[in-house]
Amino acid sequence: MSDIDAHLLIVDDDERIRTLLAKFLIKHGFLVSTARDAAHARRLLEGLEFDLIVMDVMMPGEDGISLTRAIRETAATPILLLTAKGETQDRITGLEAGADDYLPKPFEPRELLLRINAILRRMPEPEPDSTVPKVLHLGSIRYDIERGELWHGQDPVRLTATESQLMRIFAAQPGEPISRTKLVEDLGRGGAAGGGQAQERAVDVQITRLRRKIEQDPKQPRYLQTVRGAGYMLAPD
């Protein structure tokens, strides 16, 4: 991970410290968000992902140790704890709660920067999402997700613009049913004339045509399945 593009969350009830640290870290190339207490931090964590959390231990209400334990139940985001306490037992308590490092107050901002960079360098580079393969296999047919191309052996299979869009929609959610209403929306037919039923029937026609290109027996589809009451689903090998 590049240290420079990391998004940090600073959690501290002291507004002066929050502001100073945010300005210092932004100056050194980080994206920075701040929270005034644990409750505020929890709200931010519900909607955002951070590369590292810098958190004060002593805060009114829920303290940093408790919040660290709670975060560790669901996330591995690195946590660096700040506290005015420097005793060995306090450091051990913080590390046992799941913190990655511990910096007693007062500290030099430069030391904090060094600690943050050291933690980020230890973090592994994110691996490609193995749950979504780059190529989907449909029997003798294969679909290249990145290129948006359908192949039968060494021969390309020509897709219309709508068929190509359908394949992209299904390939983004393999094994998950997609309703006809959602397909109408994703295909951009929401403003078409003829009403909802007519639009959904148009989708049915496109599905039938696409099946002719990917199914060995389009009348008994194996890969582009109809899921009763739920819509259509791409089920690759």
Protein backbone atom coordinates (compact mmCIF):
# COMPACT_ATOMS: atom_id res chain seq x y z
CA MET A 1 0.00 0.00 0.00
CA SER A 2 1.17 3.53 -0.76
CA ASP A 3 1.41 5.55 2.43
CA ILE A 4 0.49 8.72 0.60
CA ASP A 5 -2.98 7.75 -0.59
CA ALA A 6 -4.09 6.14 2.68
CA HIS A 7 -7.30 7.34 4.35
CA LEU A 8 -6.88 7.84 8.10
CA LEU A 9 -9.49 8.25 10.84
CA ILE A 10 -8.46 10.30 13.89
CA VAL A 11 -10.63 9.70 16.97
CA ASP A 12 -9.96 12.14 19.85
CA ASP A 13 -12.24 14.17 22.11
CA ASP A 14 -9.73 17.06 22.19
CA GLU A 15 -10.65 19.33 19.26
CA ARG A 16 -7.26 21.05 19.29
CA ILE A 17 -5.39 17.76 18.96
CA ARG A 18 -7.77 16.52 16.24
CA THR A 19 -7.25 19.68 14.23
CA LEU A 20 -3.47 19.76 14.63
CA LEU A 21 -3.04 16.09 13.72
CA ALA A 22 -5.39 16.36 10.76
CA LYS A 23 -3.53 19.37 9.33
CA PHE A 24 -0.15 17.69 9.90
CA LEU A 25 -1.15 14.42 8.25
CA ILE A 26 -2.95 16.09 5.35
CA LYS A 27 0.24 18.10 4.77
CA HIS A 28 2.07 14.77 4.43
CA GLY A 29 -0.30 13.50 1.77
CA PHE A 30 -2.90 11.52 3.71
CA LEU A 31 -6.67 11.68 3.39
CA VAL A 32 -7.98 12.38 6.88
CA SER A 33 -11.37 12.16 8.59
CA THR A 34 -11.94 12.98 12.26
CA ALA A 35 -14.33 11.83 14.98
CA ARG A 36 -14.92 13.53 18.33
CA ASP A 37 -15.76 10.35 20.27
CA ALA A 38 -16.41 6.62 19.89
CA ALA A 39 -20.06 7.08 18.91
CA HIS A 40 -19.07 9.51 16.14
CA ALA A 41 -16.37 7.08 14.99
CA ARG A 42 -18.86 4.22 14.84
CA ARG A 43 -21.11 6.24 12.54
CA LEU A 44 -18.22 7.01 10.21
CA LEU A 45 -17.08 3.39 10.20
CA GLU A 46 -20.55 2.26 9.15
CA GLY A 47 -20.28 4.16 5.87
CA LEU A 48 -16.55 4.47 5.14
CA GLU A 49 -13.50 2.23 4.97
CA PHE A 50 -10.23 3.47 6.44
CA ASP A 51 -6.66 2.29 5.98
CA LEU A 52 -5.69 3.11 9.58
CA ILE A 53 -7.31 4.49 12.74
CA VAL A 54 -5.45 6.78 15.16
CA MET A 55 -7.46 6.69 18.39
CA ASP A 56 -7.21 8.24 21.83
CA VAL A 57 -7.77 5.80 24.67
CA MET A 58 -9.18 8.21 27.28
CA MET A 59 -12.46 9.59 25.91
CA PRO A 60 -15.79 10.40 27.57
CA GLY A 61 -18.33 7.64 27.14
CA GLU A 62 -16.91 4.59 25.38
CA ASP A 63 -13.12 4.54 25.60
CA GLY A 64 -10.63 3.63 22.88
CA ILE A 65 -9.92 0.17 24.27
CA SER A 66 -13.60 -0.79 24.11
CA LEU A 67 -13.98 0.59 20.60
CA THR A 68 -10.83 -1.25 19.48
CA ARG A 69 -12.31 -4.54 20.71
CA ALA A 70 -15.58 -3.80 18.89
CA ILE A 71 -13.81 -2.97 15.62
CA ARG A 72 -11.75 -6.16 15.84
CA GLU A 73 -14.94 -8.24 15.88
CA THR A 74 -15.62 -7.32 12.25
CA ALA A 75 -12.56 -5.63 10.73
CA ALA A 76 -8.77 -5.87 10.56
CA THR A 77 -8.21 -2.14 10.03
CA PRO A 78 -4.89 -1.16 11.68
CA ILE A 79 -5.32 0.80 14.93
CA LEU A 80 -2.76 3.02 16.62
CA LEU A 81 -3.75 4.01 20.16
CA LEU A 82 -2.84 7.33 21.78
CA THR A 83 -2.95 7.84 25.54
CA ALA A 84 -1.50 9.92 28.33
CA LYS A 85 -0.78 6.68 30.16
CA GLY A 86 2.59 5.14 29.41
CA GLU A 87 2.74 2.26 31.87
CA THR A 88 3.55 -1.22 30.54
CA GLN A 89 0.20 -2.68 31.63
CA ASP A 90 -1.73 -0.04 29.72
CA ARG A 91 0.24 -0.79 26.57
CA ILE A 92 -0.41 -4.50 27.02
CA THR A 93 -4.14 -3.88 27.49
CA GLY A 94 -4.27 -1.90 24.26
CA LEU A 95 -2.38 -4.51 22.28
CA GLU A 96 -4.49 -7.32 23.72
CA ALA A 97 -7.60 -5.45 22.59
CA GLY A 98 -6.28 -5.65 19.03
CA ALA A 99 -4.28 -2.45 18.54
CA ASP A 100 -1.33 -2.58 16.17
CA ASP A 101 0.74 0.02 17.98
CA TYR A 102 0.67 2.31 21.00
CA LEU A 103 2.03 5.86 21.37
CA PRO A 104 2.02 7.62 24.77
CA LYS A 105 1.23 11.34 24.99
CA PRO A 106 2.90 13.76 24.69
CA PHE A 107 4.55 12.80 21.41
CA GLU A 108 6.18 14.51 18.48
CA PRO A 109 3.95 14.55 15.37
CA ARG A 110 6.95 13.29 13.41
CA GLU A 111 7.05 10.15 15.56
CA LEU A 112 3.37 9.57 14.91
CA LEU A 113 4.02 9.89 11.18
CA LEU A 114 6.84 7.34 11.36
CA ARG A 115 4.64 4.92 13.29
CA ILE A 116 1.77 5.30 10.81
CA ASN A 117 4.04 4.71 7.82
CA ALA A 118 5.61 1.67 9.50
CA ILE A 119 2.19 0.11 10.10
CA LEU A 120 1.01 0.79 6.55
CA ARG A 121 4.16 -0.75 5.09
CA ARG A 122 3.44 -3.94 7.03
CA MET A 123 -0.01 -4.23 5.52
CA PRO A 124 -0.23 -6.67 2.59
CA GLU A 125 -1.15 -5.35 -0.83
CA PRO A 126 -4.82 -6.08 -1.57
CA GLU A 127 -5.24 -9.14 -3.73
CA PRO A 128 -7.63 -9.24 -6.68
CA ASP A 129 -11.11 -10.32 -5.62
CA SER A 130 -10.98 -14.07 -6.19
CA THR A 131 -14.75 -14.36 -5.72
CA VAL A 132 -15.30 -12.63 -9.08
CA PRO A 133 -13.20 -14.38 -11.76
CA LYS A 134 -11.99 -12.54 -14.84
CA VAL A 135 -13.41 -15.24 -17.12
CA LEU A 136 -16.71 -17.07 -16.68
CA HIS A 137 -17.05 -20.55 -18.19
CA LEU A 138 -20.41 -21.62 -19.57
CA GLY A 139 -19.71 -25.09 -20.90
CA SER A 140 -17.91 -24.61 -24.22
CA ILE A 141 -18.58 -20.87 -24.03
CA ARG A 142 -16.38 -18.47 -22.08
CA TYR A 143 -17.05 -14.85 -21.22
CA ASP A 144 -14.14 -12.43 -20.67
CA ILE A 145 -15.48 -10.02 -18.05
CA GLU A 146 -12.84 -7.32 -18.49
CA ARG A 147 -13.10 -7.25 -22.29
CA GLY A 148 -16.83 -7.93 -22.43
CA GLU A 149 -16.23 -10.63 -25.04
CA LEU A 150 -17.98 -13.95 -25.57
CA TRP A 151 -16.01 -16.83 -27.13
CA HIS A 152 -16.85 -20.31 -28.39
CA GLY A 153 -13.49 -22.05 -28.41
CA GLN A 154 -11.26 -19.80 -30.56
CA ASP A 155 -14.20 -18.13 -32.29
CA PRO A 156 -15.72 -14.86 -31.05
CA VAL A 157 -19.49 -14.83 -30.58
CA ARG A 158 -21.05 -11.64 -31.87
CA LEU A 159 -23.26 -9.87 -29.33
CA THR A 160 -25.67 -7.03 -29.95
CA ALA A 161 -25.30 -3.94 -27.74
CA THR A 162 -28.18 -5.07 -25.53
CA GLU A 163 -26.88 -8.63 -25.26
CA SER A 164 -23.45 -7.30 -24.33
CA GLN A 165 -25.00 -5.11 -21.64
CA LEU A 166 -26.99 -8.05 -20.28
CA MET A 167 -23.85 -10.17 -20.04
CA ARG A 168 -22.07 -7.42 -18.11
CA ILE A 169 -25.00 -7.14 -15.69
CA PHE A 170 -25.19 -10.88 -15.07
CA ALA A 171 -21.39 -11.32 -14.88
CA ALA A 172 -21.22 -8.74 -12.10
CA GLN A 173 -23.50 -10.94 -9.95
CA PRO A 174 -22.94 -14.59 -10.94
CA GLY A 175 -25.16 -16.99 -9.08
CA GLU A 176 -27.53 -14.24 -7.93
CA PRO A 177 -31.03 -13.78 -9.36
CA ILE A 178 -31.76 -10.40 -10.93
CA SER A 179 -35.37 -9.32 -11.28
CA ARG A 180 -36.85 -8.31 -14.59
CA THR A 181 -37.62 -4.88 -13.10
CA LYS A 182 -33.96 -4.42 -12.16
CA LEU A 183 -32.87 -5.53 -15.62
CA VAL A 184 -35.20 -2.95 -17.18
CA GLU A 185 -33.60 -0.25 -15.00
CA ASP A 186 -30.03 -1.38 -15.70
CA LEU A 187 -30.66 -1.57 -19.42
CA GLY A 188 -31.89 2.03 -19.38
CA ARG A 189 -35.37 1.19 -20.58
CA GLY A 190 -37.07 3.00 -17.73
CA GLY A 191 -38.25 5.79 -20.01
CA ALA A 192 -39.36 3.58 -22.87
CA ALA A 193 -42.96 3.70 -24.01
CA GLY A 194 -45.32 0.82 -23.53
CA GLY A 195 -45.49 0.42 -19.77
CA GLY A 196 -43.69 -1.79 -17.29
CA GLN A 197 -45.04 -5.10 -18.59
CA ALA A 198 -44.06 -4.27 -22.16
CA GLN A 199 -40.54 -3.37 -21.02
CA GLU A 200 -40.21 -6.62 -19.08
CA ARG A 201 -41.46 -8.60 -22.07
CA ALA A 202 -38.77 -6.88 -24.16
CA VAL A 203 -36.21 -8.11 -21.62
CA ASP A 204 -37.63 -11.63 -21.94
CA VAL A 205 -37.10 -11.48 -25.70
CA GLN A 206 -33.49 -10.38 -25.24
CA ILE A 207 -32.90 -13.20 -22.73
CA THR A 208 -34.26 -15.71 -25.26
CA ARG A 209 -31.89 -14.39 -27.93
CA LEU A 210 -28.92 -14.42 -25.57
CA ARG A 211 -29.67 -18.01 -24.58
CA ARG A 212 -29.36 -19.05 -28.22
CA LYS A 213 -25.75 -17.89 -28.10
CA ILE A 214 -24.66 -19.41 -24.77
CA GLU A 215 -26.86 -22.48 -24.25
CA GLN A 216 -26.47 -25.91 -25.84
CA ASP A 217 -30.24 -26.29 -25.53
CA PRO A 218 -31.85 -22.83 -25.26
CA LYS A 219 -35.24 -24.39 -24.40
CA GLN A 220 -33.71 -26.05 -21.33
CA PRO A 221 -31.20 -23.41 -20.19
CA ARG A 222 -28.37 -24.55 -17.97
CA TYR A 223 -26.43 -21.30 -17.59
CA LEU A 224 -28.92 -18.45 -17.99
CA GLN A 225 -31.61 -19.76 -15.71
CA THR A 226 -35.11 -18.56 -14.90
CA VAL A 227 -35.59 -18.33 -11.13
CA ARG A 228 -39.28 -18.54 -10.36
CA GLY A 229 -40.50 -15.36 -8.68
CA ALA A 230 -37.02 -13.81 -8.68
CA GLY A 231 -36.03 -13.19 -12.30
CA TYR A 232 -33.00 -14.51 -14.18
CA MET A 233 -29.62 -15.77 -12.97
CA LEU A 234 -26.31 -16.52 -14.67
CA ALA A 235 -24.94 -19.79 -13.27
CA PRO A 236 -21.42 -20.36 -14.66
CA ASP A 237 -19.48 -23.60 -14.16
